[in-house]
Amino acid sequence: MTPITPALPPALDLFGIAVFALSGALAAARLRQTFVTVAFFALITGVGGGSLRDLLIGAPVFWVHDPFVAPVCIIVALVAWFTPVRWWNGVLLEWADALGLAVYSVFGTIKALSWGVPLVAAILMGVVTGCIGGIIRDVLAGQPSILMRPELYVTAAALAACLAGAGIVFGLSPALTWSLAVAAGFTLRGAAIHWSLGLPAHRGDD
């Protein structure tokens, strides 16, 4: 397998975390919670997936050792607190979240592989990185979790993670691996947003 660095450009990394954090902060703001709750939602949504991934693969938890991640989450919480929630309604945040989902699913897979995690487990770590923050956000907010809805969300993360793992196994260049995997995950999630695509549900006793 060709070794691929898991690093993201710092600005892109912080932007992705900020997008996830904003979705968490807005979930609390819509429930008319205190600023403390809004800030907690921002932090747990922004870093939840990466934190769980790092704990599971035995890596230092990334944001604990980064001087910028926690302040960015707090700033995002302040923005959500001092702006009307209606400003953030619409599809722009959904599309930004779709890009973040794809990028972090790829990033999580590659980081896990770089720490010696077997391929299938590394792919699952990619899905964890992309999805867990949003799942925690929904559970804490008392909303139906993205895991329990038929829309293509976790599936898009899984596609991006699988292609990232496949790119490494087949020795593709780092740039091509990142590009193909992120584009595929983003495209599938974007199609789900645009056309309301979802997986079929189990028919029960029918």
N, C-alpha and C. Protein backbone atom coordinates (compact mmCIF):
# COMPACT_ATOMS: atom_id res chain seq x y z
N MET A 1 0.84 -1.20 0.00
CA MET A 1 0.00 0.00 0.00
C MET A 1 0.87 1.25 0.00
N THR A 2 0.49 2.25 -0.77
CA THR A 2 1.22 3.50 -0.79
C THR A 2 0.87 4.32 0.44
N PRO A 3 1.88 4.72 1.23
CA PRO A 3 1.57 5.54 2.41
C PRO A 3 1.02 6.90 1.99
N ILE A 4 -0.04 7.33 2.64
CA ILE A 4 -0.66 8.62 2.35
C ILE A 4 -0.78 9.40 3.64
N THR A 5 -0.30 10.62 3.62
CA THR A 5 -0.41 11.43 4.83
C THR A 5 -1.87 11.74 5.14
N PRO A 6 -2.28 11.63 6.42
CA PRO A 6 -3.67 11.94 6.75
C PRO A 6 -3.93 13.42 6.96
N ALA A 7 -2.88 14.25 6.88
CA ALA A 7 -3.03 15.65 7.26
C ALA A 7 -3.93 16.42 6.31
N LEU A 8 -4.73 17.31 6.87
CA LEU A 8 -5.51 18.26 6.10
C LEU A 8 -4.87 19.64 6.24
N PRO A 9 -4.98 20.50 5.22
CA PRO A 9 -4.53 21.89 5.39
C PRO A 9 -5.24 22.50 6.60
N PRO A 10 -4.51 23.17 7.49
CA PRO A 10 -5.12 23.68 8.73
C PRO A 10 -6.39 24.50 8.51
N ALA A 11 -6.38 25.37 7.49
CA ALA A 11 -7.55 26.20 7.25
C ALA A 11 -8.76 25.37 6.87
N LEU A 12 -8.55 24.35 6.01
CA LEU A 12 -9.65 23.47 5.61
C LEU A 12 -10.14 22.65 6.79
N ASP A 13 -9.22 22.20 7.62
CA ASP A 13 -9.58 21.42 8.80
C ASP A 13 -10.46 22.24 9.73
N LEU A 14 -10.05 23.46 10.02
CA LEU A 14 -10.83 24.31 10.92
C LEU A 14 -12.18 24.70 10.32
N PHE A 15 -12.20 24.89 9.00
CA PHE A 15 -13.48 25.21 8.35
C PHE A 15 -14.45 24.05 8.48
N GLY A 16 -13.97 22.84 8.25
CA GLY A 16 -14.84 21.67 8.37
C GLY A 16 -15.37 21.50 9.78
N ILE A 17 -14.48 21.67 10.77
CA ILE A 17 -14.92 21.58 12.16
C ILE A 17 -15.95 22.66 12.46
N ALA A 18 -15.72 23.86 11.94
CA ALA A 18 -16.65 24.97 12.19
C ALA A 18 -18.03 24.67 11.61
N VAL A 19 -18.08 24.07 10.43
CA VAL A 19 -19.38 23.72 9.81
C VAL A 19 -20.13 22.73 10.69
N PHE A 20 -19.44 21.68 11.13
CA PHE A 20 -20.08 20.71 12.01
C PHE A 20 -20.51 21.37 13.32
N ALA A 21 -19.63 22.21 13.87
CA ALA A 21 -19.95 22.89 15.13
C ALA A 21 -21.17 23.79 14.98
N LEU A 22 -21.28 24.46 13.83
CA LEU A 22 -22.43 25.34 13.61
C LEU A 22 -23.72 24.54 13.58
N SER A 23 -23.71 23.38 12.97
CA SER A 23 -24.93 22.56 12.95
C SER A 23 -25.35 22.18 14.36
N GLY A 24 -24.36 21.91 15.23
CA GLY A 24 -24.68 21.58 16.61
C GLY A 24 -25.19 22.78 17.38
N ALA A 25 -24.53 23.93 17.20
CA ALA A 25 -24.95 25.14 17.91
C ALA A 25 -26.37 25.53 17.51
N LEU A 26 -26.68 25.41 16.22
CA LEU A 26 -28.02 25.78 15.76
C LEU A 26 -29.08 24.83 16.29
N ALA A 27 -28.72 23.55 16.45
CA ALA A 27 -29.69 22.60 17.02
C ALA A 27 -30.08 23.02 18.42
N ALA A 28 -29.10 23.47 19.21
CA ALA A 28 -29.41 23.94 20.57
C ALA A 28 -30.13 25.28 20.54
N ALA A 29 -29.74 26.17 19.62
CA ALA A 29 -30.39 27.48 19.54
C ALA A 29 -31.86 27.34 19.17
N ARG A 30 -32.16 26.40 18.27
CA ARG A 30 -33.57 26.19 17.89
C ARG A 30 -34.40 25.72 19.07
N LEU A 31 -33.75 25.06 20.02
CA LEU A 31 -34.45 24.60 21.22
C LEU A 31 -34.47 25.66 22.32
N ARG A 32 -33.94 26.86 22.00
CA ARG A 32 -33.92 28.01 22.92
C ARG A 32 -33.15 27.66 24.22
N GLN A 33 -31.98 27.08 24.05
CA GLN A 33 -31.15 26.71 25.18
C GLN A 33 -30.23 27.86 25.58
N THR A 34 -29.57 27.71 26.73
CA THR A 34 -28.63 28.72 27.21
C THR A 34 -27.37 28.69 26.36
N PHE A 35 -26.54 29.73 26.52
CA PHE A 35 -25.30 29.77 25.75
C PHE A 35 -24.39 28.60 26.11
N VAL A 36 -24.39 28.19 27.37
CA VAL A 36 -23.55 27.06 27.77
C VAL A 36 -23.93 25.82 26.96
N THR A 37 -25.23 25.58 26.81
CA THR A 37 -25.69 24.43 26.04
C THR A 37 -25.35 24.58 24.57
N VAL A 38 -25.52 25.78 24.04
CA VAL A 38 -25.18 26.03 22.63
C VAL A 38 -23.69 25.75 22.39
N ALA A 39 -22.84 26.22 23.30
CA ALA A 39 -21.40 26.00 23.17
C ALA A 39 -21.05 24.52 23.28
N PHE A 40 -21.71 23.82 24.20
CA PHE A 40 -21.45 22.38 24.35
C PHE A 40 -21.85 21.63 23.09
N PHE A 41 -23.00 21.97 22.53
CA PHE A 41 -23.45 21.32 21.29
C PHE A 41 -22.46 21.60 20.15
N ALA A 42 -21.97 22.83 20.09
CA ALA A 42 -20.99 23.17 19.05
C ALA A 42 -19.75 22.31 19.19
N LEU A 43 -19.23 22.20 20.40
CA LEU A 43 -17.99 21.45 20.61
C LEU A 43 -18.20 19.96 20.36
N ILE A 44 -19.26 19.38 20.89
CA ILE A 44 -19.44 17.93 20.77
C ILE A 44 -19.73 17.54 19.33
N THR A 45 -20.41 18.41 18.58
CA THR A 45 -20.67 18.11 17.18
C THR A 45 -19.42 18.31 16.33
N GLY A 46 -18.66 19.34 16.66
CA GLY A 46 -17.47 19.63 15.89
C GLY A 46 -16.35 18.60 16.05
N VAL A 47 -16.20 18.07 17.26
CA VAL A 47 -15.04 17.19 17.52
C VAL A 47 -15.44 15.78 17.91
N GLY A 48 -16.74 15.49 18.00
CA GLY A 48 -17.18 14.20 18.53
C GLY A 48 -16.68 13.01 17.74
N GLY A 49 -16.80 13.06 16.41
CA GLY A 49 -16.38 11.93 15.59
C GLY A 49 -14.88 11.70 15.65
N GLY A 50 -14.12 12.78 15.52
CA GLY A 50 -12.67 12.65 15.57
C GLY A 50 -12.16 12.21 16.93
N SER A 51 -12.84 12.67 17.99
CA SER A 51 -12.43 12.27 19.34
C SER A 51 -12.63 10.77 19.55
N LEU A 52 -13.79 10.26 19.15
CA LEU A 52 -14.05 8.83 19.32
C LEU A 52 -13.08 8.01 18.48
N ARG A 53 -12.84 8.47 17.25
CA ARG A 53 -11.86 7.77 16.39
C ARG A 53 -10.50 7.69 17.06
N ASP A 54 -10.01 8.81 17.56
CA ASP A 54 -8.68 8.83 18.16
C ASP A 54 -8.61 7.93 19.40
N LEU A 55 -9.67 7.94 20.20
CA LEU A 55 -9.70 7.07 21.38
C LEU A 55 -9.66 5.59 20.97
N LEU A 56 -10.38 5.25 19.91
CA LEU A 56 -10.46 3.85 19.49
C LEU A 56 -9.16 3.36 18.84
N ILE A 57 -8.45 4.23 18.14
CA ILE A 57 -7.22 3.78 17.48
C ILE A 57 -5.98 4.02 18.32
N GLY A 58 -6.16 4.61 19.50
CA GLY A 58 -5.02 4.82 20.39
C GLY A 58 -4.19 6.03 20.07
N ALA A 59 -4.74 7.00 19.35
CA ALA A 59 -4.02 8.23 19.01
C ALA A 59 -4.35 9.32 20.03
N PRO A 60 -3.47 10.30 20.20
CA PRO A 60 -3.83 11.46 21.04
C PRO A 60 -5.07 12.14 20.48
N VAL A 61 -6.00 12.49 21.35
CA VAL A 61 -7.23 13.14 20.89
C VAL A 61 -6.86 14.49 20.29
N PHE A 62 -7.18 14.66 19.01
CA PHE A 62 -6.60 15.73 18.20
C PHE A 62 -6.83 17.13 18.74
N TRP A 63 -8.02 17.43 19.20
CA TRP A 63 -8.33 18.81 19.54
C TRP A 63 -7.78 19.22 20.90
N VAL A 64 -7.48 18.25 21.75
CA VAL A 64 -6.92 18.55 23.07
C VAL A 64 -5.53 19.18 22.92
N HIS A 65 -4.84 18.82 21.86
CA HIS A 65 -3.47 19.30 21.65
C HIS A 65 -3.40 20.40 20.59
N ASP A 66 -4.54 20.90 20.16
CA ASP A 66 -4.58 21.93 19.13
C ASP A 66 -5.08 23.24 19.75
N PRO A 67 -4.33 24.34 19.60
CA PRO A 67 -4.74 25.58 20.26
C PRO A 67 -5.90 26.30 19.59
N PHE A 68 -6.35 25.82 18.42
CA PHE A 68 -7.35 26.56 17.67
C PHE A 68 -8.73 25.91 17.64
N VAL A 69 -8.81 24.58 17.77
CA VAL A 69 -10.09 23.89 17.55
C VAL A 69 -11.15 24.33 18.55
N ALA A 70 -10.85 24.25 19.85
CA ALA A 70 -11.84 24.63 20.86
C ALA A 70 -12.25 26.10 20.72
N PRO A 71 -11.30 27.05 20.54
CA PRO A 71 -11.74 28.43 20.33
C PRO A 71 -12.63 28.62 19.12
N VAL A 72 -12.36 27.90 18.03
CA VAL A 72 -13.21 28.00 16.85
C VAL A 72 -14.63 27.54 17.18
N CYS A 73 -14.76 26.46 17.92
CA CYS A 73 -16.09 25.98 18.31
C CYS A 73 -16.82 27.00 19.18
N ILE A 74 -16.09 27.66 20.09
CA ILE A 74 -16.71 28.67 20.95
C ILE A 74 -17.13 29.88 20.12
N ILE A 75 -16.28 30.29 19.17
CA ILE A 75 -16.64 31.41 18.30
C ILE A 75 -17.88 31.09 17.48
N VAL A 76 -17.95 29.88 16.96
CA VAL A 76 -19.13 29.46 16.20
C VAL A 76 -20.37 29.49 17.09
N ALA A 77 -20.23 29.06 18.34
CA ALA A 77 -21.36 29.11 19.27
C ALA A 77 -21.81 30.55 19.50
N LEU A 78 -20.86 31.47 19.61
CA LEU A 78 -21.21 32.88 19.77
C LEU A 78 -21.95 33.41 18.55
N VAL A 79 -21.50 33.03 17.37
CA VAL A 79 -22.18 33.45 16.14
C VAL A 79 -23.62 32.94 16.14
N ALA A 80 -23.80 31.66 16.48
CA ALA A 80 -25.15 31.09 16.51
C ALA A 80 -26.00 31.76 17.58
N TRP A 81 -25.39 32.13 18.69
CA TRP A 81 -26.12 32.73 19.80
C TRP A 81 -26.62 34.14 19.46
N PHE A 82 -25.79 34.91 18.76
CA PHE A 82 -26.11 36.31 18.51
C PHE A 82 -26.75 36.58 17.15
N THR A 83 -27.03 35.55 16.39
CA THR A 83 -27.70 35.74 15.10
C THR A 83 -29.03 34.98 15.10
N PRO A 84 -30.03 35.50 14.39
CA PRO A 84 -31.31 34.79 14.32
C PRO A 84 -31.15 33.43 13.63
N VAL A 85 -31.82 32.44 14.16
CA VAL A 85 -31.73 31.10 13.58
C VAL A 85 -32.19 31.09 12.14
N ARG A 86 -33.15 31.97 11.80
CA ARG A 86 -33.69 31.97 10.42
C ARG A 86 -32.62 32.31 9.39
N TRP A 87 -31.55 33.00 9.82
CA TRP A 87 -30.47 33.31 8.89
C TRP A 87 -29.82 32.04 8.33
N TRP A 88 -29.90 30.99 9.11
CA TRP A 88 -29.17 29.76 8.75
C TRP A 88 -30.08 28.71 8.14
N ASN A 89 -31.36 29.03 7.99
CA ASN A 89 -32.26 28.08 7.34
C ASN A 89 -31.95 28.03 5.84
N GLY A 90 -32.18 26.89 5.24
CA GLY A 90 -31.89 26.74 3.82
C GLY A 90 -30.89 25.62 3.58
N VAL A 91 -30.49 25.50 2.34
CA VAL A 91 -29.69 24.33 1.95
C VAL A 91 -28.19 24.58 2.00
N LEU A 92 -27.75 25.86 2.16
CA LEU A 92 -26.32 26.13 2.12
C LEU A 92 -25.57 25.36 3.20
N LEU A 93 -26.11 25.36 4.43
CA LEU A 93 -25.46 24.65 5.52
C LEU A 93 -25.46 23.15 5.26
N GLU A 94 -26.54 22.64 4.65
CA GLU A 94 -26.60 21.22 4.32
C GLU A 94 -25.50 20.83 3.33
N TRP A 95 -25.27 21.69 2.34
CA TRP A 95 -24.25 21.39 1.34
C TRP A 95 -22.85 21.48 1.94
N ALA A 96 -22.65 22.46 2.81
CA ALA A 96 -21.36 22.55 3.49
C ALA A 96 -21.13 21.34 4.38
N ASP A 97 -22.19 20.90 5.06
CA ASP A 97 -22.09 19.70 5.89
C ASP A 97 -21.79 18.47 5.03
N ALA A 98 -22.37 18.41 3.84
CA ALA A 98 -22.11 17.28 2.93
C ALA A 98 -20.64 17.21 2.55
N LEU A 99 -20.04 18.37 2.29
CA LEU A 99 -18.61 18.39 1.96
C LEU A 99 -17.78 17.98 3.17
N GLY A 100 -18.14 18.50 4.34
CA GLY A 100 -17.42 18.11 5.55
C GLY A 100 -17.53 16.63 5.84
N LEU A 101 -18.71 16.07 5.61
CA LEU A 101 -18.93 14.64 5.82
C LEU A 101 -17.98 13.82 4.94
N ALA A 102 -17.88 14.18 3.67
CA ALA A 102 -17.03 13.44 2.74
C ALA A 102 -15.55 13.59 3.12
N VAL A 103 -15.14 14.81 3.39
CA VAL A 103 -13.73 15.06 3.70
C VAL A 103 -13.30 14.32 4.95
N TYR A 104 -14.10 14.39 6.00
CA TYR A 104 -13.69 13.78 7.27
C TYR A 104 -13.85 12.27 7.27
N SER A 105 -14.73 11.74 6.43
CA SER A 105 -14.80 10.29 6.30
C SER A 105 -13.52 9.75 5.65
N VAL A 106 -13.03 10.48 4.65
CA VAL A 106 -11.76 10.10 4.01
C VAL A 106 -10.60 10.29 4.99
N PHE A 107 -10.58 11.44 5.64
CA PHE A 107 -9.50 11.74 6.59
C PHE A 107 -9.43 10.70 7.70
N GLY A 108 -10.60 10.34 8.26
CA GLY A 108 -10.62 9.37 9.35
C GLY A 108 -10.12 8.00 8.92
N THR A 109 -10.47 7.60 7.70
CA THR A 109 -9.99 6.31 7.18
C THR A 109 -8.48 6.31 7.04
N ILE A 110 -7.95 7.36 6.43
CA ILE A 110 -6.51 7.42 6.19
C ILE A 110 -5.73 7.54 7.49
N LYS A 111 -6.24 8.32 8.45
CA LYS A 111 -5.55 8.42 9.72
C LYS A 111 -5.52 7.08 10.44
N ALA A 112 -6.64 6.37 10.42
CA ALA A 112 -6.69 5.05 11.07
C ALA A 112 -5.69 4.10 10.41
N LEU A 113 -5.63 4.10 9.09
CA LEU A 113 -4.67 3.24 8.39
C LEU A 113 -3.24 3.62 8.75
N SER A 114 -2.97 4.92 8.90
CA SER A 114 -1.62 5.37 9.23
C SER A 114 -1.22 4.94 10.64
N TRP A 115 -2.21 4.62 11.47
CA TRP A 115 -1.94 4.13 12.83
C TRP A 115 -1.98 2.60 12.90
N GLY A 116 -1.96 1.96 11.75
CA GLY A 116 -1.87 0.50 11.71
C GLY A 116 -3.18 -0.23 11.89
N VAL A 117 -4.31 0.45 11.74
CA VAL A 117 -5.61 -0.19 11.88
C VAL A 117 -5.90 -0.99 10.60
N PRO A 118 -6.41 -2.22 10.71
CA PRO A 118 -6.75 -3.00 9.51
C PRO A 118 -7.78 -2.28 8.64
N LEU A 119 -7.80 -2.65 7.36
CA LEU A 119 -8.56 -1.90 6.37
C LEU A 119 -10.04 -1.74 6.72
N VAL A 120 -10.73 -2.82 7.00
CA VAL A 120 -12.17 -2.72 7.25
C VAL A 120 -12.45 -1.88 8.48
N ALA A 121 -11.67 -2.09 9.54
CA ALA A 121 -11.84 -1.28 10.75
C ALA A 121 -11.51 0.19 10.47
N ALA A 122 -10.52 0.44 9.63
CA ALA A 122 -10.16 1.81 9.28
C ALA A 122 -11.30 2.50 8.53
N ILE A 123 -11.96 1.77 7.64
CA ILE A 123 -13.11 2.33 6.93
C ILE A 123 -14.22 2.70 7.91
N LEU A 124 -14.44 1.83 8.89
CA LEU A 124 -15.45 2.14 9.91
C LEU A 124 -15.04 3.36 10.73
N MET A 125 -13.73 3.53 10.97
CA MET A 125 -13.26 4.72 11.67
C MET A 125 -13.53 5.97 10.84
N GLY A 126 -13.47 5.83 9.52
CA GLY A 126 -13.82 6.95 8.66
C GLY A 126 -15.28 7.34 8.80
N VAL A 127 -16.14 6.34 8.84
CA VAL A 127 -17.58 6.61 9.02
C VAL A 127 -17.83 7.24 10.39
N VAL A 128 -17.16 6.72 11.40
CA VAL A 128 -17.28 7.30 12.75
C VAL A 128 -16.87 8.77 12.73
N THR A 129 -15.75 9.07 12.09
CA THR A 129 -15.27 10.45 12.04
C THR A 129 -16.29 11.38 11.40
N GLY A 130 -16.89 10.94 10.32
CA GLY A 130 -17.83 11.79 9.60
C GLY A 130 -19.19 11.92 10.26
N CYS A 131 -19.63 10.91 11.00
CA CYS A 131 -21.04 10.84 11.41
C CYS A 131 -21.31 10.98 12.90
N ILE A 132 -20.37 10.58 13.74
CA ILE A 132 -20.70 10.46 15.16
C ILE A 132 -21.07 11.79 15.79
N GLY A 133 -20.40 12.87 15.40
CA GLY A 133 -20.75 14.17 15.98
C GLY A 133 -22.20 14.53 15.74
N GLY A 134 -22.68 14.29 14.52
CA GLY A 134 -24.08 14.58 14.21
C GLY A 134 -25.04 13.66 14.93
N ILE A 135 -24.64 12.41 15.11
CA ILE A 135 -25.50 11.46 15.84
C ILE A 135 -25.63 11.90 17.30
N ILE A 136 -24.52 12.27 17.92
CA ILE A 136 -24.56 12.74 19.31
C ILE A 136 -25.43 14.00 19.41
N ARG A 137 -25.24 14.92 18.46
CA ARG A 137 -26.05 16.15 18.44
C ARG A 137 -27.54 15.83 18.42
N ASP A 138 -27.96 14.93 17.54
CA ASP A 138 -29.38 14.62 17.41
C ASP A 138 -29.92 13.93 18.65
N VAL A 139 -29.14 13.02 19.22
CA VAL A 139 -29.59 12.32 20.42
C VAL A 139 -29.77 13.31 21.57
N LEU A 140 -28.80 14.20 21.77
CA LEU A 140 -28.90 15.18 22.86
C LEU A 140 -30.05 16.15 22.64
N ALA A 141 -30.35 16.46 21.37
CA ALA A 141 -31.43 17.39 21.07
C ALA A 141 -32.80 16.71 21.08
N GLY A 142 -32.83 15.39 21.25
CA GLY A 142 -34.10 14.67 21.26
C GLY A 142 -34.73 14.58 19.89
N GLN A 143 -33.89 14.62 18.84
CA GLN A 143 -34.38 14.53 17.47
C GLN A 143 -34.06 13.16 16.89
N PRO A 144 -34.81 12.74 15.86
CA PRO A 144 -34.47 11.47 15.21
C PRO A 144 -33.04 11.53 14.67
N SER A 145 -32.23 10.58 15.07
CA SER A 145 -30.83 10.58 14.67
C SER A 145 -30.68 10.34 13.17
N ILE A 146 -29.61 10.90 12.59
CA ILE A 146 -29.33 10.63 11.19
C ILE A 146 -29.15 9.14 10.94
N LEU A 147 -28.76 8.42 11.97
CA LEU A 147 -28.60 6.97 11.85
C LEU A 147 -29.94 6.27 11.70
N MET A 148 -31.02 6.89 12.20
CA MET A 148 -32.34 6.27 12.20
C MET A 148 -33.24 6.81 11.10
N ARG A 149 -32.67 7.62 10.20
CA ARG A 149 -33.46 8.15 9.10
C ARG A 149 -33.00 7.49 7.79
N PRO A 150 -33.91 7.32 6.84
CA PRO A 150 -33.55 6.61 5.60
C PRO A 150 -32.68 7.41 4.65
N GLU A 151 -32.53 8.73 4.87
CA GLU A 151 -31.78 9.55 3.93
C GLU A 151 -30.33 9.07 3.83
N LEU A 152 -29.73 9.30 2.67
CA LEU A 152 -28.37 8.84 2.42
C LEU A 152 -27.37 9.79 3.07
N TYR A 153 -27.00 9.46 4.29
CA TYR A 153 -26.01 10.25 5.03
C TYR A 153 -24.85 9.36 5.44
N VAL A 154 -25.14 8.39 6.28
CA VAL A 154 -24.11 7.43 6.68
C VAL A 154 -23.61 6.67 5.45
N THR A 155 -24.52 6.38 4.51
CA THR A 155 -24.13 5.69 3.28
C THR A 155 -23.11 6.49 2.49
N ALA A 156 -23.29 7.82 2.42
CA ALA A 156 -22.33 8.67 1.71
C ALA A 156 -20.98 8.65 2.41
N ALA A 157 -21.00 8.66 3.74
CA ALA A 157 -19.74 8.58 4.48
C ALA A 157 -19.05 7.25 4.23
N ALA A 158 -19.84 6.17 4.19
CA ALA A 158 -19.27 4.85 3.94
C ALA A 158 -18.66 4.76 2.55
N LEU A 159 -19.31 5.36 1.55
CA LEU A 159 -18.77 5.34 0.20
C LEU A 159 -17.43 6.06 0.14
N ALA A 160 -17.36 7.24 0.75
CA ALA A 160 -16.11 8.00 0.75
C ALA A 160 -15.01 7.22 1.47
N ALA A 161 -15.34 6.62 2.60
CA ALA A 161 -14.35 5.87 3.37
C ALA A 161 -13.88 4.63 2.60
N CYS A 162 -14.80 3.93 1.96
CA CYS A 162 -14.42 2.73 1.19
C CYS A 162 -13.50 3.08 0.04
N LEU A 163 -13.80 4.16 -0.66
CA LEU A 163 -12.96 4.55 -1.79
C LEU A 163 -11.59 5.02 -1.31
N ALA A 164 -11.54 5.66 -0.15
CA ALA A 164 -10.24 6.06 0.40
C ALA A 164 -9.40 4.83 0.71
N GLY A 165 -10.03 3.85 1.36
CA GLY A 165 -9.31 2.61 1.65
C GLY A 165 -8.87 1.88 0.39
N ALA A 166 -9.76 1.85 -0.61
CA ALA A 166 -9.43 1.17 -1.86
C ALA A 166 -8.29 1.87 -2.58
N GLY A 167 -8.29 3.20 -2.54
CA GLY A 167 -7.22 3.95 -3.19
C GLY A 167 -5.87 3.62 -2.61
N ILE A 168 -5.81 3.46 -1.30
CA ILE A 168 -4.54 3.12 -0.65
C ILE A 168 -4.14 1.69 -0.99
N VAL A 169 -5.09 0.76 -0.94
CA VAL A 169 -4.79 -0.65 -1.23
C VAL A 169 -4.25 -0.80 -2.65
N PHE A 170 -4.84 -0.07 -3.60
CA PHE A 170 -4.43 -0.21 -5.01
C PHE A 170 -3.29 0.73 -5.39
N GLY A 171 -2.77 1.45 -4.42
CA GLY A 171 -1.59 2.26 -4.67
C GLY A 171 -1.82 3.50 -5.50
N LEU A 172 -3.02 4.07 -5.45
CA LEU A 172 -3.28 5.31 -6.18
C LEU A 172 -2.52 6.46 -5.52
N SER A 173 -2.30 7.51 -6.27
CA SER A 173 -1.59 8.66 -5.72
C SER A 173 -2.44 9.31 -4.63
N PRO A 174 -1.79 9.98 -3.67
CA PRO A 174 -2.56 10.65 -2.62
C PRO A 174 -3.60 11.63 -3.16
N ALA A 175 -3.20 12.43 -4.15
CA ALA A 175 -4.14 13.43 -4.70
C ALA A 175 -5.34 12.76 -5.34
N LEU A 176 -5.11 11.70 -6.10
CA LEU A 176 -6.20 11.00 -6.76
C LEU A 176 -7.10 10.30 -5.75
N THR A 177 -6.50 9.69 -4.73
CA THR A 177 -7.30 9.03 -3.69
C THR A 177 -8.21 10.01 -2.99
N TRP A 178 -7.65 11.12 -2.54
CA TRP A 178 -8.46 12.15 -1.87
C TRP A 178 -9.55 12.66 -2.80
N SER A 179 -9.19 12.98 -4.03
CA SER A 179 -10.14 13.59 -4.96
C SER A 179 -11.31 12.67 -5.27
N LEU A 180 -11.02 11.42 -5.62
CA LEU A 180 -12.07 10.47 -5.98
C LEU A 180 -12.98 10.18 -4.79
N ALA A 181 -12.39 9.93 -3.63
CA ALA A 181 -13.18 9.55 -2.47
C ALA A 181 -14.06 10.70 -1.98
N VAL A 182 -13.49 11.89 -1.89
CA VAL A 182 -14.29 13.05 -1.44
C VAL A 182 -15.37 13.38 -2.45
N ALA A 183 -15.02 13.36 -3.74
CA ALA A 183 -16.01 13.68 -4.76
C ALA A 183 -17.17 12.69 -4.75
N ALA A 184 -16.87 11.41 -4.58
CA ALA A 184 -17.94 10.41 -4.58
C ALA A 184 -18.86 10.58 -3.38
N GLY A 185 -18.27 10.75 -2.19
CA GLY A 185 -19.09 10.92 -1.00
C GLY A 185 -19.93 12.18 -1.06
N PHE A 186 -19.32 13.27 -1.53
CA PHE A 186 -20.05 14.55 -1.64
C PHE A 186 -21.16 14.45 -2.69
N THR A 187 -20.88 13.81 -3.80
CA THR A 187 -21.88 13.68 -4.86
C THR A 187 -23.09 12.87 -4.39
N LEU A 188 -22.83 11.76 -3.70
CA LEU A 188 -23.95 10.94 -3.22
C LEU A 188 -24.78 11.69 -2.19
N ARG A 189 -24.10 12.36 -1.26
CA ARG A 189 -24.84 13.13 -0.26
C ARG A 189 -25.58 14.29 -0.92
N GLY A 190 -24.95 14.94 -1.92
CA GLY A 190 -25.61 16.02 -2.63
C GLY A 190 -26.83 15.55 -3.39
N ALA A 191 -26.73 14.37 -4.00
CA ALA A 191 -27.89 13.82 -4.69
C ALA A 191 -29.03 13.54 -3.72
N ALA A 192 -28.67 13.07 -2.54
CA ALA A 192 -29.70 12.81 -1.52
C ALA A 192 -30.38 14.10 -1.09
N ILE A 193 -29.60 15.18 -0.96
CA ILE A 193 -30.18 16.47 -0.58
C ILE A 193 -31.10 16.99 -1.70
N HIS A 194 -30.62 16.91 -2.93
CA HIS A 194 -31.36 17.50 -4.05
C HIS A 194 -32.62 16.72 -4.40
N TRP A 195 -32.52 15.39 -4.39
CA TRP A 195 -33.65 14.56 -4.82
C TRP A 195 -34.31 13.81 -3.67
N SER A 196 -33.92 14.10 -2.43
CA SER A 196 -34.50 13.44 -1.26
C SER A 196 -34.38 11.92 -1.36
N LEU A 197 -33.20 11.46 -1.73
CA LEU A 197 -32.98 10.02 -1.87
C LEU A 197 -32.81 9.37 -0.50
N GLY A 198 -33.25 8.13 -0.40
CA GLY A 198 -33.11 7.40 0.85
C GLY A 198 -33.06 5.91 0.59
N LEU A 199 -32.64 5.19 1.61
CA LEU A 199 -32.62 3.73 1.51
C LEU A 199 -33.99 3.18 1.84
N PRO A 200 -34.36 2.03 1.27
CA PRO A 200 -35.65 1.40 1.62
C PRO A 200 -35.63 0.90 3.05
N ALA A 201 -36.76 1.05 3.73
CA ALA A 201 -36.87 0.59 5.13
C ALA A 201 -37.31 -0.87 5.17
N HIS A 202 -37.00 -1.54 6.27
CA HIS A 202 -37.44 -2.91 6.45
C HIS A 202 -38.97 -2.96 6.52
N ARG A 203 -39.57 -3.99 5.91
CA ARG A 203 -41.04 -4.06 5.80
C ARG A 203 -41.70 -4.72 7.01
N GLY A 204 -40.91 -5.05 8.01
CA GLY A 204 -41.50 -5.65 9.19
C GLY A 204 -42.03 -7.03 8.91
N ASP A 205 -43.31 -7.29 9.26
CA ASP A 205 -43.91 -8.61 9.10
C ASP A 205 -44.64 -8.76 7.77
N ASP A 206 -44.50 -7.78 6.88
CA ASP A 206 -45.21 -7.88 5.58
C ASP A 206 -44.67 -9.03 4.75
